[in-house]
């Protein structure tokens, strides 16, 4: 069990097309049930991805907006931090943040938790 849990979620599985809302909603309900059993105090979701940063299509933003709404509806905290994310350079894989960003990213997480 955890007192506080931070979850970094960028929805890489939702980059190309509209997600199947019915299937995904059921999966997220399972996640919320598990978090309710395992986390005593609070859960913070860092959902910082946005289409422009990763050069994804509009479906990515639409899908993440739905997921963020589900997280909030479950009573959990969502942090987007678009200003911070826009400053952090991407690594060569174009998915993760570059190593140079790690000190700022660690400080960011320290503030969140």
Foldseek 3Di string as FASTA:
>chain_A
DEQEEEAEDAPPVFQAAADPCVVVLVVVVVVLVVCVVPYNHAYEYAHADDCVLLVTDPNSVVNVVVVCVSCVVSVHHYDHPNVLVVPFPCDPVSPHTDPVCVVVVVVVVVVVD
